[in-house]
Amino acid sequence: MNFYRRGALLLLTLCLSAPVWALDLSGAMAALGDAKAAGQLGEQPDGYLGVVRAEGQAEDIARLINRARRAEYQRVAQSNKIKLADVEAIAGKKAIEKTPSGQFIQLDGRWLRK
């Protein structure tokens, strides 16, 4: 097999196996607790997760969960005829209150261990 065919075969194999490596929402939800306990992710006042330390899959976890949170916040805002920003602020306040000691929260733009 020549060099180009091997390269094409390798590229095809990687493309076909990429979905196995990809993190989905259920995987992100399952990994969230460990990521928060490891200090990689924390709760923000705007109702979304923030990346405290970009290690492992922290950014992917935050992106997927934040996308789902935003969709839910939009649904709640529309069904209650209130602003999205109000829903986000309420959710952020509740998330920060529920965050266990030792995990990170963001206050005044700074990450603090609760």
Protein backbone atom coordinates (compact mmCIF):
# COMPACT_ATOMS: atom_id res chain seq x y z
CA MET A 1 0.00 0.00 0.00
CA ASN A 2 1.49 3.31 -0.96
CA PHE A 3 1.95 6.29 1.37
CA TYR A 4 -1.14 8.18 0.15
CA ARG A 5 -3.46 5.19 0.43
CA ARG A 6 -2.26 4.50 3.98
CA GLY A 7 -2.82 8.14 4.87
CA ALA A 8 -6.30 8.12 3.35
CA LEU A 9 -7.14 4.89 5.17
CA LEU A 10 -5.90 6.34 8.47
CA LEU A 11 -7.90 9.53 7.93
CA LEU A 12 -11.04 7.54 7.09
CA THR A 13 -10.58 5.38 10.18
CA LEU A 14 -10.19 8.46 12.38
CA CYS A 15 -13.25 10.13 10.88
CA LEU A 16 -15.40 7.06 11.39
CA SER A 17 -14.26 6.59 14.98
CA ALA A 18 -14.50 10.29 15.98
CA PRO A 19 -18.08 9.99 17.29
CA VAL A 20 -16.80 7.43 19.79
CA TRP A 21 -14.46 10.08 21.23
CA ALA A 22 -17.08 12.84 21.21
CA LEU A 23 -18.77 13.74 24.43
CA ASP A 24 -22.57 13.95 24.36
CA LEU A 25 -24.91 15.64 26.83
CA SER A 26 -25.49 12.52 28.91
CA GLY A 27 -21.74 11.94 29.13
CA ALA A 28 -21.23 15.59 30.09
CA MET A 29 -23.87 15.31 32.81
CA ALA A 30 -22.23 12.16 34.14
CA ALA A 31 -18.81 13.86 34.21
CA LEU A 32 -20.02 17.15 35.72
CA GLY A 33 -19.76 16.17 39.39
CA ASP A 34 -16.19 14.97 39.05
CA ALA A 35 -15.18 18.05 37.04
CA LYS A 36 -16.65 20.37 39.66
CA ALA A 37 -15.06 18.39 42.52
CA ALA A 38 -11.69 18.56 40.72
CA GLY A 39 -11.98 22.35 40.51
CA GLN A 40 -12.24 22.42 36.72
CA LEU A 41 -15.76 23.89 36.53
CA GLY A 42 -17.78 26.24 38.69
CA GLU A 43 -21.13 27.97 38.82
CA GLN A 44 -21.51 31.54 37.62
CA PRO A 45 -24.11 34.17 38.60
CA ASP A 46 -25.50 34.12 35.04
CA GLY A 47 -26.76 30.56 35.46
CA TYR A 48 -24.08 28.91 33.39
CA LEU A 49 -21.02 26.81 34.10
CA GLY A 50 -17.65 28.45 33.82
CA VAL A 51 -14.27 26.86 33.22
CA VAL A 52 -12.04 27.39 36.23
CA ARG A 53 -9.18 25.24 34.90
CA ALA A 54 -9.23 24.06 31.30
CA GLU A 55 -8.15 20.48 31.95
CA GLY A 56 -9.49 17.22 30.59
CA GLN A 57 -12.90 17.67 29.02
CA ALA A 58 -13.91 20.68 31.13
CA GLU A 59 -14.55 22.96 28.16
CA ASP A 60 -16.64 20.35 26.34
CA ILE A 61 -18.65 19.57 29.47
CA ALA A 62 -19.37 23.26 30.06
CA ARG A 63 -20.29 23.85 26.42
CA LEU A 64 -22.75 20.96 26.23
CA ILE A 65 -24.39 21.60 29.58
CA ASN A 66 -24.57 25.35 28.99
CA ARG A 67 -26.27 24.74 25.65
CA ALA A 68 -28.89 22.58 27.37
CA ARG A 69 -29.30 25.09 30.20
CA ARG A 70 -29.82 27.94 27.74
CA ALA A 71 -32.50 25.99 25.89
CA GLU A 72 -34.30 25.30 29.17
CA TYR A 73 -33.95 28.91 30.34
CA GLN A 74 -35.42 30.10 27.03
CA ARG A 75 -38.33 27.69 27.39
CA VAL A 76 -39.02 28.90 30.94
CA ALA A 77 -38.73 32.56 29.93
CA GLN A 78 -41.14 32.14 27.02
CA SER A 79 -43.69 30.11 28.95
CA ASN A 80 -43.68 32.63 31.82
CA LYS A 81 -43.40 35.71 29.59
CA ILE A 82 -40.30 36.98 31.36
CA LYS A 83 -36.86 37.99 30.14
CA LEU A 84 -34.22 35.36 29.53
CA ALA A 85 -31.76 37.40 31.62
CA ASP A 86 -34.13 37.17 34.61
CA VAL A 87 -34.34 33.39 34.32
CA GLU A 88 -30.55 33.16 34.01
CA ALA A 89 -30.03 35.33 37.11
CA ILE A 90 -32.47 33.29 39.19
CA ALA A 91 -30.88 30.03 38.04
CA GLY A 92 -27.40 31.38 38.78
CA LYS A 93 -28.38 32.43 42.29
CA LYS A 94 -29.89 29.00 43.00
CA ALA A 95 -26.91 27.14 41.53
CA ILE A 96 -24.46 29.15 43.63
CA GLU A 97 -26.54 28.56 46.77
CA LYS A 98 -26.63 24.81 46.09
CA THR A 99 -22.91 24.53 45.35
CA PRO A 100 -21.28 22.44 48.08
CA SER A 101 -18.38 23.74 50.13
CA GLY A 102 -15.04 23.22 48.44
CA GLN A 103 -16.34 23.77 44.92
CA PHE A 104 -15.92 26.93 42.87
CA ILE A 105 -18.34 29.78 42.34
CA GLN A 106 -17.78 33.03 40.51
CA LEU A 107 -18.39 36.29 42.34
CA ASP A 108 -17.52 39.72 40.98
CA GLY A 109 -15.73 38.06 38.07
CA ARG A 110 -13.38 36.04 40.31
CA TRP A 111 -13.39 32.34 41.03
CA LEU A 112 -13.68 31.53 44.73
CA ARG A 113 -13.77 28.23 46.54
CA LYS A 114 -17.03 28.14 48.48
